[in-house]
Amino acid sequence: MPEGPSVRKFQLLTSPFVGQVVAKVGGSSRKLNVNGLNALRLQDSQVHGKNLYLAFVAAEGPLGPTSEETALQREAACGAHCPAQGGQGQICAPHPKHPHSQDEELQEPQHSRSEAPDEAEGPGNWLRIHFGMFGSVRANEFSRANRANKRGDWKDPVPRLVLHFESGGFLVFYNCRMLWCSSPRADPASDILSVEFHRGRALRALRVPDPICYTLLDQRYFSGLGNIIKNEILYLARIHPLTPGSLLAPSDLEHLLDCAIQFSSEWLHNKLRGQGLHPQVYQKEQCPLGHPLMKGTFGPSGGFKRLTWWCPQCQPAVLPGDGHPSPVT
């Protein structure tokens, strides 16, 4: 599924439509009454971790402040550290391409802890959008197939929701679940791409005795961090994925957190420039140093298991009791 940087880009694609009125709707969604969006005004657009939230109000009602207006000072203070702010006014729709692009082929279908969509929370004016595998948002264009599928058919992807606005522009949403809710249910302090990200709380979470690869996918502390980011930052920090966090030195945890923030921010910047992701270990056979990689499926008991790639030479295991790297894999 799309990770934090991808959903941030989706939000930037929707933000130019804030304040506009929906003139026509379409799409294949069966759980959402898409016709109910007709004649509503898009009031706000927010992103929290891996979820996109769109607020709608009656067109004749007051528009009210958007999240950008109410948080202007906070966003301005983030400067270059906040990738979502830079270049927002310059976002343009990506070129049409097959939904299985290089970036999207890296996505996985499983959900991490605390990130799967919940049941409907009752009436509300916020539409919560959670993207599945190959989920995406397009602005003023539809996704087109550039190759035949396995059955030899040239079929364009079917959008889940299409919003046509009175201005003439439109938004297209693919492969996503949509539920109405009363407000965005998220904690910005857990969002790795938010200026409100709570570093201290994240470090405390990393110190638990669970394998570090489990903790990194816990959306309560690392909202927006997915399996691609997990694999890449563990390699960058030279940490074995099954190392209990309690065995790592504070400096190692600090470095791992630095890698998470920097990698996520750079991935977002690359997306905004139309550049793809070039992973070092994710879905690779060798690390950049030429060492053979190992692959395993790890996850907490009773939870989702995720594919993990690591280099046993660059990321040696740590044995309990000695605190020193060991060649054990």
Protein backbone atom coordinates (compact mmCIF):
# COMPACT_ATOMS: atom_id res chain seq x y z
CA MET A 1 0.00 0.00 0.00
CA PRO A 2 1.17 3.60 -0.45
CA GLU A 3 3.34 4.80 2.43
CA GLY A 4 3.46 8.22 4.05
CA PRO A 5 5.38 10.05 1.28
CA SER A 6 2.97 8.80 -1.39
CA VAL A 7 -0.13 9.85 0.54
CA ARG A 8 1.45 13.26 1.17
CA LYS A 9 1.76 13.69 -2.56
CA PHE A 10 -1.88 12.65 -3.00
CA GLN A 11 -2.89 15.37 -0.54
CA LEU A 12 -0.93 17.97 -2.48
CA LEU A 13 -2.78 16.96 -5.63
CA THR A 14 -6.14 17.51 -3.91
CA SER A 15 -5.30 20.81 -2.18
CA PRO A 16 -5.81 23.06 -5.26
CA PHE A 17 -9.45 21.90 -5.34
CA VAL A 18 -10.21 23.04 -1.77
CA GLY A 19 -13.01 25.61 -1.88
CA GLN A 20 -14.51 24.26 -5.10
CA VAL A 21 -17.98 22.72 -5.51
CA VAL A 22 -18.54 19.19 -6.80
CA ALA A 23 -20.56 19.34 -10.03
CA LYS A 24 -20.62 15.66 -10.96
CA VAL A 25 -19.47 12.39 -9.43
CA GLY A 26 -18.71 8.91 -10.66
CA GLY A 27 -16.83 5.79 -9.72
CA SER A 28 -17.26 2.13 -8.89
CA SER A 29 -17.50 2.38 -5.10
CA ARG A 30 -20.21 0.16 -3.66
CA LYS A 31 -19.88 1.10 0.00
CA LEU A 32 -20.05 4.86 -0.55
CA ASN A 33 -23.07 6.63 -2.00
CA VAL A 34 -21.07 8.74 -4.43
CA ASN A 35 -24.14 10.71 -5.51
CA GLY A 36 -24.28 12.16 -2.01
CA LEU A 37 -21.19 14.21 -2.86
CA ASN A 38 -22.99 16.15 -5.58
CA ALA A 39 -23.21 19.90 -4.98
CA LEU A 40 -20.98 19.73 -1.89
CA ARG A 41 -17.99 21.99 -1.42
CA LEU A 42 -14.56 20.49 -0.70
CA GLN A 43 -13.70 22.37 2.49
CA ASP A 44 -10.38 20.86 3.50
CA SER A 45 -7.79 18.22 2.68
CA GLN A 46 -5.49 16.64 5.25
CA VAL A 47 -3.08 13.72 5.44
CA HIS A 48 -2.30 11.71 8.54
CA GLY A 49 0.11 8.84 8.15
CA LYS A 50 -1.28 6.59 5.44
CA ASN A 51 -4.78 8.10 5.39
CA LEU A 52 -6.14 10.98 3.33
CA TYR A 53 -9.04 13.00 4.75
CA LEU A 54 -11.36 15.22 2.70
CA ALA A 55 -13.93 17.50 4.37
CA PHE A 56 -17.16 18.38 2.55
CA VAL A 57 -19.81 20.96 3.44
CA ALA A 58 -22.96 22.28 1.85
CA ALA A 59 -22.05 24.59 -1.02
CA GLU A 60 -24.20 27.43 0.31
CA GLY A 61 -22.66 27.23 3.80
CA PRO A 62 -19.63 29.16 5.05
CA LEU A 63 -16.35 27.77 3.77
CA GLY A 64 -14.51 28.18 7.06
CA PRO A 65 -10.75 28.01 7.57
CA THR A 66 -8.75 25.22 6.05
CA SER A 67 -6.06 23.29 7.85
CA GLU A 68 -3.46 25.31 5.94
CA GLU A 69 -4.88 28.61 7.15
CA THR A 70 -5.24 27.59 10.78
CA ALA A 71 -1.74 26.09 10.86
CA LEU A 72 0.05 28.71 8.75
CA GLN A 73 2.51 29.75 11.43
CA ARG A 74 3.29 26.16 12.39
CA GLU A 75 3.94 25.15 8.78
CA ALA A 76 6.03 28.25 8.05
CA ALA A 77 8.23 27.48 11.05
CA CYS A 78 9.07 24.04 9.74
CA GLY A 79 11.02 25.51 6.79
CA ALA A 80 12.99 23.07 4.73
CA HIS A 81 12.47 20.30 7.29
CA CYS A 82 8.81 20.02 6.28
CA PRO A 83 8.66 18.48 2.81
CA ALA A 84 4.91 18.79 2.53
CA GLN A 85 5.15 22.60 2.54
CA GLY A 86 7.87 23.06 -0.03
CA GLY A 87 6.64 23.28 -3.57
CA GLN A 88 2.98 22.82 -2.73
CA GLY A 89 1.93 25.50 -5.16
CA GLN A 90 3.93 23.85 -7.92
CA ILE A 91 2.40 20.40 -7.79
CA CYS A 92 1.13 19.17 -11.13
CA ALA A 93 -0.53 15.95 -12.14
CA PRO A 94 1.83 13.12 -13.08
CA HIS A 95 2.01 11.88 -16.64
CA PRO A 96 -0.46 9.11 -17.46
CA LYS A 97 1.02 5.70 -16.90
CA HIS A 98 0.11 2.16 -16.08
CA PRO A 99 -0.89 1.81 -12.41
CA HIS A 100 1.92 -0.66 -11.87
CA SER A 101 4.69 1.91 -12.18
CA GLN A 102 8.12 1.39 -10.65
CA ASP A 103 7.19 3.17 -7.45
CA GLU A 104 3.85 1.41 -7.15
CA GLU A 105 5.24 -2.06 -7.84
CA LEU A 106 7.18 -1.78 -4.59
CA GLN A 107 4.03 -1.49 -2.54
CA GLU A 108 2.66 -4.39 -0.49
CA PRO A 109 -0.96 -5.28 0.27
CA GLN A 110 -0.69 -6.06 3.98
CA HIS A 111 -1.67 -3.67 6.73
CA SER A 112 0.60 -2.76 9.62
CA ARG A 113 -0.57 -2.63 13.20
CA SER A 114 -3.15 0.08 13.86
CA GLU A 115 -3.30 1.18 10.22
CA ALA A 116 -6.12 -0.94 8.80
CA PRO A 117 -9.35 0.97 8.15
CA ASP A 118 -11.94 0.65 10.87
CA GLU A 119 -15.65 0.31 10.49
CA ALA A 120 -17.67 3.41 9.76
CA GLU A 121 -17.72 5.76 12.72
CA GLY A 122 -21.13 7.22 12.03
CA PRO A 123 -22.23 10.38 10.25
CA GLY A 124 -19.68 13.11 9.64
CA ASN A 125 -18.41 15.46 6.97
CA TRP A 126 -14.91 13.98 6.67
CA LEU A 127 -14.27 11.31 4.07
CA ARG A 128 -11.48 9.01 5.20
CA ILE A 129 -9.58 7.43 2.30
CA HIS A 130 -7.28 4.47 2.90
CA PHE A 131 -5.40 3.23 -0.16
CA GLY A 132 -4.87 -0.39 -1.06
CA MET A 133 -2.17 -1.93 -3.19
CA PHE A 134 -1.51 0.30 -6.23
CA GLY A 135 -3.90 2.90 -4.80
CA SER A 136 -3.40 6.39 -6.21
CA VAL A 137 -4.89 9.82 -6.86
CA ARG A 138 -4.84 11.59 -10.22
CA ALA A 139 -5.63 15.25 -10.89
CA ASN A 140 -7.23 16.18 -14.24
CA GLU A 141 -6.32 12.86 -15.85
CA PHE A 142 -7.21 9.19 -15.75
CA SER A 143 -4.79 6.33 -15.39
CA ARG A 144 -4.27 4.55 -18.69
CA ALA A 145 -3.01 1.06 -19.36
CA ASN A 146 0.24 1.04 -21.31
CA ARG A 147 0.44 -2.72 -21.59
CA ALA A 148 -1.86 -5.70 -21.64
CA ASN A 149 -2.79 -7.53 -18.46
CA LYS A 150 -2.21 -11.24 -17.86
CA ARG A 151 -5.28 -12.09 -19.90
CA GLY A 152 -4.08 -10.03 -22.83
CA ASP A 153 -6.66 -7.28 -22.33
CA TRP A 154 -5.86 -3.58 -22.62
CA LYS A 155 -8.16 -2.30 -19.91
CA ASP A 156 -7.73 0.96 -18.09
CA PRO A 157 -7.95 0.83 -14.30
CA VAL A 158 -11.45 1.49 -12.98
CA PRO A 159 -11.58 4.47 -10.60
CA ARG A 160 -13.22 4.02 -7.23
CA LEU A 161 -14.30 7.67 -7.13
CA VAL A 162 -14.28 10.59 -9.60
CA LEU A 163 -15.03 14.14 -8.48
CA HIS A 164 -15.75 16.70 -11.20
CA PHE A 165 -15.71 20.30 -9.98
CA GLU A 166 -17.50 23.38 -11.30
CA SER A 167 -14.14 24.82 -12.34
CA GLY A 168 -13.78 22.06 -14.91
CA GLY A 169 -11.04 20.14 -13.11
CA PHE A 170 -11.45 16.70 -11.59
CA LEU A 171 -9.89 14.26 -9.11
CA VAL A 172 -9.70 10.50 -9.61
CA PHE A 173 -9.19 7.98 -6.79
CA TYR A 174 -8.06 4.40 -7.45
CA ASN A 175 -8.06 1.28 -5.28
CA CYS A 176 -9.09 2.76 -1.95
CA ARG A 177 -11.57 2.33 0.89
CA MET A 178 -13.70 5.31 1.85
CA LEU A 179 -15.63 5.87 5.06
CA TRP A 180 -17.33 8.91 6.54
CA CYS A 181 -16.08 10.06 9.93
CA SER A 182 -16.66 12.99 12.26
CA SER A 183 -13.05 14.23 12.15
CA PRO A 184 -9.55 13.07 11.15
CA ARG A 185 -8.62 10.47 13.73
CA ALA A 186 -4.89 10.81 13.96
CA ASP A 187 -2.09 11.97 16.19
CA PRO A 188 0.32 14.30 14.37
CA ALA A 189 2.94 13.50 17.02
CA SER A 190 3.23 10.00 15.53
CA ASP A 191 3.48 11.11 11.88
CA ILE A 192 7.10 10.85 10.73
CA LEU A 193 6.55 13.57 8.12
CA SER A 194 4.80 16.00 10.48
CA VAL A 195 6.50 18.97 12.13
CA GLU A 196 4.74 17.80 15.31
CA PHE A 197 6.41 14.38 15.26
CA HIS A 198 7.36 13.50 18.85
CA ARG A 199 10.91 12.25 18.73
CA GLY A 200 11.08 11.39 22.43
CA ARG A 201 7.99 9.22 22.33
CA ALA A 202 9.29 7.42 19.25
CA LEU A 203 12.61 6.69 20.95
CA ARG A 204 10.82 5.29 24.00
CA ALA A 205 8.84 2.98 21.72
CA LEU A 206 12.02 1.76 20.03
CA ARG A 207 13.54 0.75 23.39
CA VAL A 208 11.02 -2.04 24.04
CA PRO A 209 12.36 -5.63 23.92
CA ASP A 210 10.39 -6.47 20.76
CA PRO A 211 12.24 -6.98 17.47
CA ILE A 212 12.97 -3.58 16.03
CA CYS A 213 11.26 -4.44 12.72
CA TYR A 214 7.98 -4.96 14.59
CA THR A 215 8.12 -1.62 16.39
CA LEU A 216 8.90 0.40 13.28
CA LEU A 217 5.61 -0.68 11.68
CA ASP A 218 3.52 0.20 14.75
CA GLN A 219 1.44 3.10 13.42
CA ARG A 220 0.77 4.36 16.94
CA TYR A 221 4.33 5.67 17.03
CA PHE A 222 5.43 5.72 13.36
CA SER A 223 2.39 6.70 11.34
CA GLY A 224 3.16 6.60 7.63
CA LEU A 225 6.19 4.32 8.00
CA GLY A 226 5.68 1.20 5.88
CA ASN A 227 7.55 -1.88 4.84
CA ILE A 228 9.69 -0.18 2.20
CA ILE A 229 10.89 2.48 4.62
CA LYS A 230 11.43 -0.13 7.33
CA ASN A 231 13.72 -2.26 5.19
CA GLU A 232 15.71 0.66 3.83
CA ILE A 233 16.35 2.46 7.13
CA LEU A 234 17.37 -0.72 8.94
CA TYR A 235 20.01 -1.22 6.28
CA LEU A 236 21.10 2.41 6.41
CA ALA A 237 21.43 2.17 10.19
CA ARG A 238 23.16 -1.24 9.91
CA ILE A 239 20.70 -2.89 12.31
CA HIS A 240 19.50 -6.48 12.04
CA PRO A 241 15.69 -6.49 11.73
CA LEU A 242 15.17 -8.99 14.58
CA THR A 243 17.35 -7.13 17.07
CA PRO A 244 15.34 -6.35 20.25
CA GLY A 245 15.22 -2.61 20.71
CA SER A 246 16.27 -2.97 24.33
CA LEU A 247 19.67 -4.31 23.21
CA LEU A 248 20.50 -1.30 21.05
CA ALA A 249 22.53 1.62 22.35
CA PRO A 250 20.74 4.98 22.60
CA SER A 251 23.03 6.34 19.89
CA ASP A 252 21.95 3.52 17.56
CA LEU A 253 18.28 4.30 18.15
CA GLU A 254 18.90 7.99 17.55
CA HIS A 255 20.64 7.17 14.28
CA LEU A 256 17.81 4.86 13.22
CA LEU A 257 15.26 7.59 13.87
CA ASP A 258 17.36 10.08 11.90
CA CYS A 259 17.41 7.61 9.00
CA ALA A 260 13.62 7.21 9.15
CA ILE A 261 12.95 10.94 8.98
CA GLN A 262 15.58 11.68 6.36
CA PHE A 263 14.67 8.76 4.09
CA SER A 264 10.94 9.57 4.24
CA SER A 265 11.55 13.26 3.53
CA GLU A 266 13.87 12.53 0.61
CA TRP A 267 11.41 10.02 -0.84
CA LEU A 268 8.70 12.67 -0.76
CA HIS A 269 10.97 15.25 -2.38
CA ASN A 270 11.82 12.77 -5.13
CA LYS A 271 8.14 12.07 -5.73
CA LEU A 272 7.39 15.76 -6.10
CA ARG A 273 10.15 15.98 -8.70
CA GLY A 274 8.75 13.00 -10.59
CA GLN A 275 11.65 10.74 -9.65
CA GLY A 276 11.23 7.09 -8.69
CA LEU A 277 12.52 5.27 -5.66
CA HIS A 278 15.79 3.38 -5.94
CA PRO A 279 15.89 1.02 -2.94
CA GLN A 280 19.16 -0.43 -1.73
CA VAL A 281 17.83 -3.68 -0.25
CA TYR A 282 14.06 -3.85 -0.68
CA GLN A 283 13.28 -6.65 -3.15
CA LYS A 284 16.97 -6.88 -4.03
CA GLU A 285 19.30 -9.89 -4.16
CA GLN A 286 22.47 -8.02 -3.15
CA CYS A 287 23.22 -5.01 -0.99
CA PRO A 288 25.12 -2.05 -2.52
CA LEU A 289 28.38 -3.62 -1.31
CA GLY A 290 27.70 -6.80 -3.28
CA HIS A 291 26.80 -9.04 -0.31
CA PRO A 292 23.99 -11.57 -0.82
CA LEU A 293 20.80 -10.57 0.99
CA MET A 294 18.59 -12.76 3.12
CA LYS A 295 14.81 -12.63 3.08
CA GLY A 296 12.29 -13.60 5.72
CA THR A 297 8.69 -12.99 6.76
CA PHE A 298 8.49 -11.47 10.24
CA GLY A 299 5.72 -10.09 12.41
CA PRO A 300 4.28 -10.23 15.91
CA SER A 301 2.31 -13.25 17.05
CA GLY A 302 -1.24 -12.90 15.81
CA GLY A 303 -0.30 -9.89 13.68
CA PHE A 304 0.60 -9.25 10.07
CA LYS A 305 3.80 -10.79 8.73
CA ARG A 306 5.89 -8.65 6.45
CA LEU A 307 8.65 -9.52 4.01
CA THR A 308 12.03 -8.33 5.20
CA TRP A 309 15.37 -8.11 3.39
CA TRP A 310 18.67 -7.67 5.21
CA CYS A 311 22.38 -8.15 4.73
CA PRO A 312 23.89 -10.53 7.33
CA GLN A 313 27.29 -8.89 6.88
CA CYS A 314 26.24 -5.24 7.01
CA GLN A 315 23.50 -5.90 9.58
CA PRO A 316 24.89 -8.54 11.96
CA ALA A 317 22.62 -9.96 14.64
CA VAL A 318 23.06 -8.92 18.27
CA LEU A 319 23.09 -11.75 20.81
CA PRO A 320 21.31 -11.15 24.13
CA GLY A 321 23.77 -10.81 26.98
CA ASP A 322 26.84 -9.52 25.19
CA GLY A 323 25.49 -6.51 23.30
CA HIS A 324 28.06 -7.02 20.55
CA PRO A 325 27.41 -7.82 16.89
CA SER A 326 27.49 -11.48 16.02
CA PRO A 327 27.63 -13.20 12.63
CA VAL A 328 24.52 -15.17 13.57
CA THR A 329 21.80 -14.67 10.92
